């Protein structure tokens, strides 16, 4: 009887683990909106422009938006499953663009 209960318990744990792994985590989810509307909102209201775009190792597109005058920034992702949706995953109020990526430095790092 004990083996029967252990088999049921193991099956339940496996199902829960499978469900949890298929749900987007809070760190990857954030607030999701229509991509065009969200980009327009960041560009017009916050005056943030996209300064970086890349494909992550797990397949979504990561965007970094920056207001170069105030330092405000937003990190967002676009998932392959629904490219019409943009999800904000982080933001801040103090950021600097330090390099152009070609070896030239825009600002000296102080840390």
C-alpha atoms as a PDB file:
ATOM      1  CA  UNK A   1       0.000   0.000   0.000  1.00  0.00           C
ATOM      2  CA  UNK A   2       2.875   2.365   0.811  1.00  0.00           C
ATOM      3  CA  UNK A   3       4.302   1.974  -2.724  1.00  0.00           C
ATOM      4  CA  UNK A   4       0.884   2.860  -4.143  1.00  0.00           C
ATOM      5  CA  UNK A   5       0.758   6.120  -2.157  1.00  0.00           C
ATOM      6  CA  UNK A   6       4.340   6.956  -3.104  1.00  0.00           C
ATOM      7  CA  UNK A   7       3.502   6.399  -6.780  1.00  0.00           C
ATOM      8  CA  UNK A   8       0.489   8.725  -6.508  1.00  0.00           C
ATOM      9  CA  UNK A   9       2.558  11.330  -4.647  1.00  0.00           C
ATOM     10  CA  UNK A  10       5.363  11.150  -7.220  1.00  0.00           C
ATOM     11  CA  UNK A  11       2.837  11.496 -10.044  1.00  0.00           C
ATOM     12  CA  UNK A  12       1.300  14.576  -8.398  1.00  0.00           C
ATOM     13  CA  UNK A  13       4.717  16.165  -7.891  1.00  0.00           C
ATOM     14  CA  UNK A  14       5.584  15.521 -11.544  1.00  0.00           C
ATOM     15  CA  UNK A  15       2.333  17.097 -12.736  1.00  0.00           C
ATOM     16  CA  UNK A  16       2.812  20.157 -10.495  1.00  0.00           C
ATOM     17  CA  UNK A  17       6.423  20.557 -11.662  1.00  0.00           C
ATOM     18  CA  UNK A  18       5.340  20.319 -15.291  1.00  0.00           C
ATOM     19  CA  UNK A  19       2.612  22.939 -14.813  1.00  0.00           C
ATOM     20  CA  UNK A  20       4.908  25.322 -12.939  1.00  0.00           C
ATOM     21  CA  UNK A  21       7.634  25.035 -15.577  1.00  0.00           C
ATOM     22  CA  UNK A  22       5.225  25.885 -18.389  1.00  0.00           C
ATOM     23  CA  UNK A  23       3.849  29.018 -16.719  1.00  0.00           C
ATOM     24  CA  UNK A  24       5.746  32.261 -17.307  1.00  0.00           C
ATOM     25  CA  UNK A  25       7.585  33.366 -14.225  1.00  0.00           C
ATOM     26  CA  UNK A  26       7.009  36.809 -12.756  1.00  0.00           C
ATOM     27  CA  UNK A  27      10.527  37.794 -13.749  1.00  0.00           C
ATOM     28  CA  UNK A  28       9.789  36.956 -17.373  1.00  0.00           C
ATOM     29  CA  UNK A  29       6.178  38.014 -17.375  1.00  0.00           C
ATOM     30  CA  UNK A  30       5.721  41.448 -15.974  1.00  0.00           C
ATOM     31  CA  UNK A  31       2.928  43.629 -17.284  1.00  0.00           C
ATOM     32  CA  UNK A  32       1.997  42.663 -20.831  1.00  0.00           C
ATOM     33  CA  UNK A  33       0.293  44.982 -23.321  1.00  0.00           C
ATOM     34  CA  UNK A  34      -0.267  45.239 -27.052  1.00  0.00           C
ATOM     35  CA  UNK A  35       3.235  45.719 -28.495  1.00  0.00           C
ATOM     36  CA  UNK A  36       2.465  48.709 -30.714  1.00  0.00           C
ATOM     37  CA  UNK A  37       0.576  50.531 -27.954  1.00  0.00           C
ATOM     38  CA  UNK A  38       3.261  49.793 -25.359  1.00  0.00           C
ATOM     39  CA  UNK A  39       6.057  51.018 -27.645  1.00  0.00           C
ATOM     40  CA  UNK A  40       4.096  54.165 -28.456  1.00  0.00           C
ATOM     41  CA  UNK A  41       3.517  54.738 -24.709  1.00  0.00           C
ATOM     42  CA  UNK A  42       7.233  54.412 -23.912  1.00  0.00           C
ATOM     43  CA  UNK A  43       8.254  56.600 -26.851  1.00  0.00           C
ATOM     44  CA  UNK A  44       5.733  59.407 -26.354  1.00  0.00           C
ATOM     45  CA  UNK A  45       5.004  59.610 -22.640  1.00  0.00           C
ATOM     46  CA  UNK A  46       8.365  58.484 -21.248  1.00  0.00           C
ATOM     47  CA  UNK A  47      10.507  59.629 -24.200  1.00  0.00           C
ATOM     48  CA  UNK A  48      12.351  56.297 -24.118  1.00  0.00           C
ATOM     49  CA  UNK A  49      13.911  54.877 -27.260  1.00  0.00           C
ATOM     50  CA  UNK A  50      15.142  51.355 -27.887  1.00  0.00           C
ATOM     51  CA  UNK A  51      18.905  51.295 -27.335  1.00  0.00           C
ATOM     52  CA  UNK A  52      19.331  47.509 -27.341  1.00  0.00           C
ATOM     53  CA  UNK A  53      17.540  44.551 -28.911  1.00  0.00           C
ATOM     54  CA  UNK A  54      18.636  40.918 -28.699  1.00  0.00           C
ATOM     55  CA  UNK A  55      17.397  37.347 -28.811  1.00  0.00           C
ATOM     56  CA  UNK A  56      17.691  35.658 -25.409  1.00  0.00           C
ATOM     57  CA  UNK A  57      19.068  32.176 -24.865  1.00  0.00           C
ATOM     58  CA  UNK A  58      15.507  30.940 -24.222  1.00  0.00           C
ATOM     59  CA  UNK A  59      14.135  32.487 -27.390  1.00  0.00           C
ATOM     60  CA  UNK A  60      12.329  35.718 -26.572  1.00  0.00           C
ATOM     61  CA  UNK A  61      13.386  39.151 -27.809  1.00  0.00           C
ATOM     62  CA  UNK A  62      14.751  41.445 -25.100  1.00  0.00           C
ATOM     63  CA  UNK A  63      14.493  45.216 -25.516  1.00  0.00           C
ATOM     64  CA  UNK A  64      16.126  47.971 -23.456  1.00  0.00           C
ATOM     65  CA  UNK A  65      14.481  51.403 -23.751  1.00  0.00           C
ATOM     66  CA  UNK A  66      16.269  54.516 -22.443  1.00  0.00           C
ATOM     67  CA  UNK A  67      15.421  58.172 -21.964  1.00  0.00           C
ATOM     68  CA  UNK A  68      18.910  59.619 -22.457  1.00  0.00           C
ATOM     69  CA  UNK A  69      17.968  62.944 -20.831  1.00  0.00           C
ATOM     70  CA  UNK A  70      16.497  61.615 -17.571  1.00  0.00           C
ATOM     71  CA  UNK A  71      18.194  58.218 -17.338  1.00  0.00           C
ATOM     72  CA  UNK A  72      14.828  56.442 -17.029  1.00  0.00           C
ATOM     73  CA  UNK A  73      14.867  52.993 -18.615  1.00  0.00           C
ATOM     74  CA  UNK A  74      12.623  50.005 -19.208  1.00  0.00           C
ATOM     75  CA  UNK A  75      13.491  46.382 -19.985  1.00  0.00           C
ATOM     76  CA  UNK A  76      10.873  44.456 -21.915  1.00  0.00           C
ATOM     77  CA  UNK A  77      10.465  41.189 -23.762  1.00  0.00           C
ATOM     78  CA  UNK A  78       8.505  39.946 -26.734  1.00  0.00           C
ATOM     79  CA  UNK A  79       7.722  36.229 -26.647  1.00  0.00           C
ATOM     80  CA  UNK A  80       7.813  34.080 -29.772  1.00  0.00           C
ATOM     81  CA  UNK A  81       4.425  32.597 -28.825  1.00  0.00           C
ATOM     82  CA  UNK A  82       2.736  35.997 -29.249  1.00  0.00           C
ATOM     83  CA  UNK A  83       4.879  38.636 -30.971  1.00  0.00           C
ATOM     84  CA  UNK A  84       2.050  41.186 -30.829  1.00  0.00           C
ATOM     85  CA  UNK A  85       2.499  41.501 -27.041  1.00  0.00           C
ATOM     86  CA  UNK A  86       5.278  43.347 -25.198  1.00  0.00           C
ATOM     87  CA  UNK A  87       5.893  42.549 -21.521  1.00  0.00           C
ATOM     88  CA  UNK A  88       7.693  44.976 -19.219  1.00  0.00           C
ATOM     89  CA  UNK A  89      10.023  43.038 -16.907  1.00  0.00           C
ATOM     90  CA  UNK A  90      12.009  45.774 -15.164  1.00  0.00           C
ATOM     91  CA  UNK A  91      12.525  49.530 -15.081  1.00  0.00           C
ATOM     92  CA  UNK A  92      14.547  52.174 -13.321  1.00  0.00           C
ATOM     93  CA  UNK A  93      15.084  55.889 -13.010  1.00  0.00           C
ATOM     94  CA  UNK A  94      18.855  56.185 -13.293  1.00  0.00           C
ATOM     95  CA  UNK A  95      20.692  54.701 -16.243  1.00  0.00           C
ATOM     96  CA  UNK A  96      23.420  55.634 -18.717  1.00  0.00           C
ATOM     97  CA  UNK A  97      24.403  54.308 -22.114  1.00  0.00           C
ATOM     98  CA  UNK A  98      28.066  53.469 -21.534  1.00  0.00           C
ATOM     99  CA  UNK A  99      29.226  52.100 -24.865  1.00  0.00           C
ATOM    100  CA  UNK A 100      28.128  51.801 -28.464  1.00  0.00           C
ATOM    101  CA  UNK A 101      29.243  48.169 -28.576  1.00  0.00           C
ATOM    102  CA  UNK A 102      32.031  48.789 -31.086  1.00  0.00           C
ATOM    103  CA  UNK A 103      34.733  49.484 -28.514  1.00  0.00           C
ATOM    104  CA  UNK A 104      34.131  53.207 -28.206  1.00  0.00           C
ATOM    105  CA  UNK A 105      33.136  54.403 -24.739  1.00  0.00           C
ATOM    106  CA  UNK A 106      30.384  56.981 -24.355  1.00  0.00           C
ATOM    107  CA  UNK A 107      30.740  57.420 -20.589  1.00  0.00           C
ATOM    108  CA  UNK A 108      33.402  56.387 -18.118  1.00  0.00           C
ATOM    109  CA  UNK A 109      32.221  53.796 -15.635  1.00  0.00           C
ATOM    110  CA  UNK A 110      32.729  54.895 -12.049  1.00  0.00           C
ATOM    111  CA  UNK A 111      32.374  51.560 -10.287  1.00  0.00           C
END
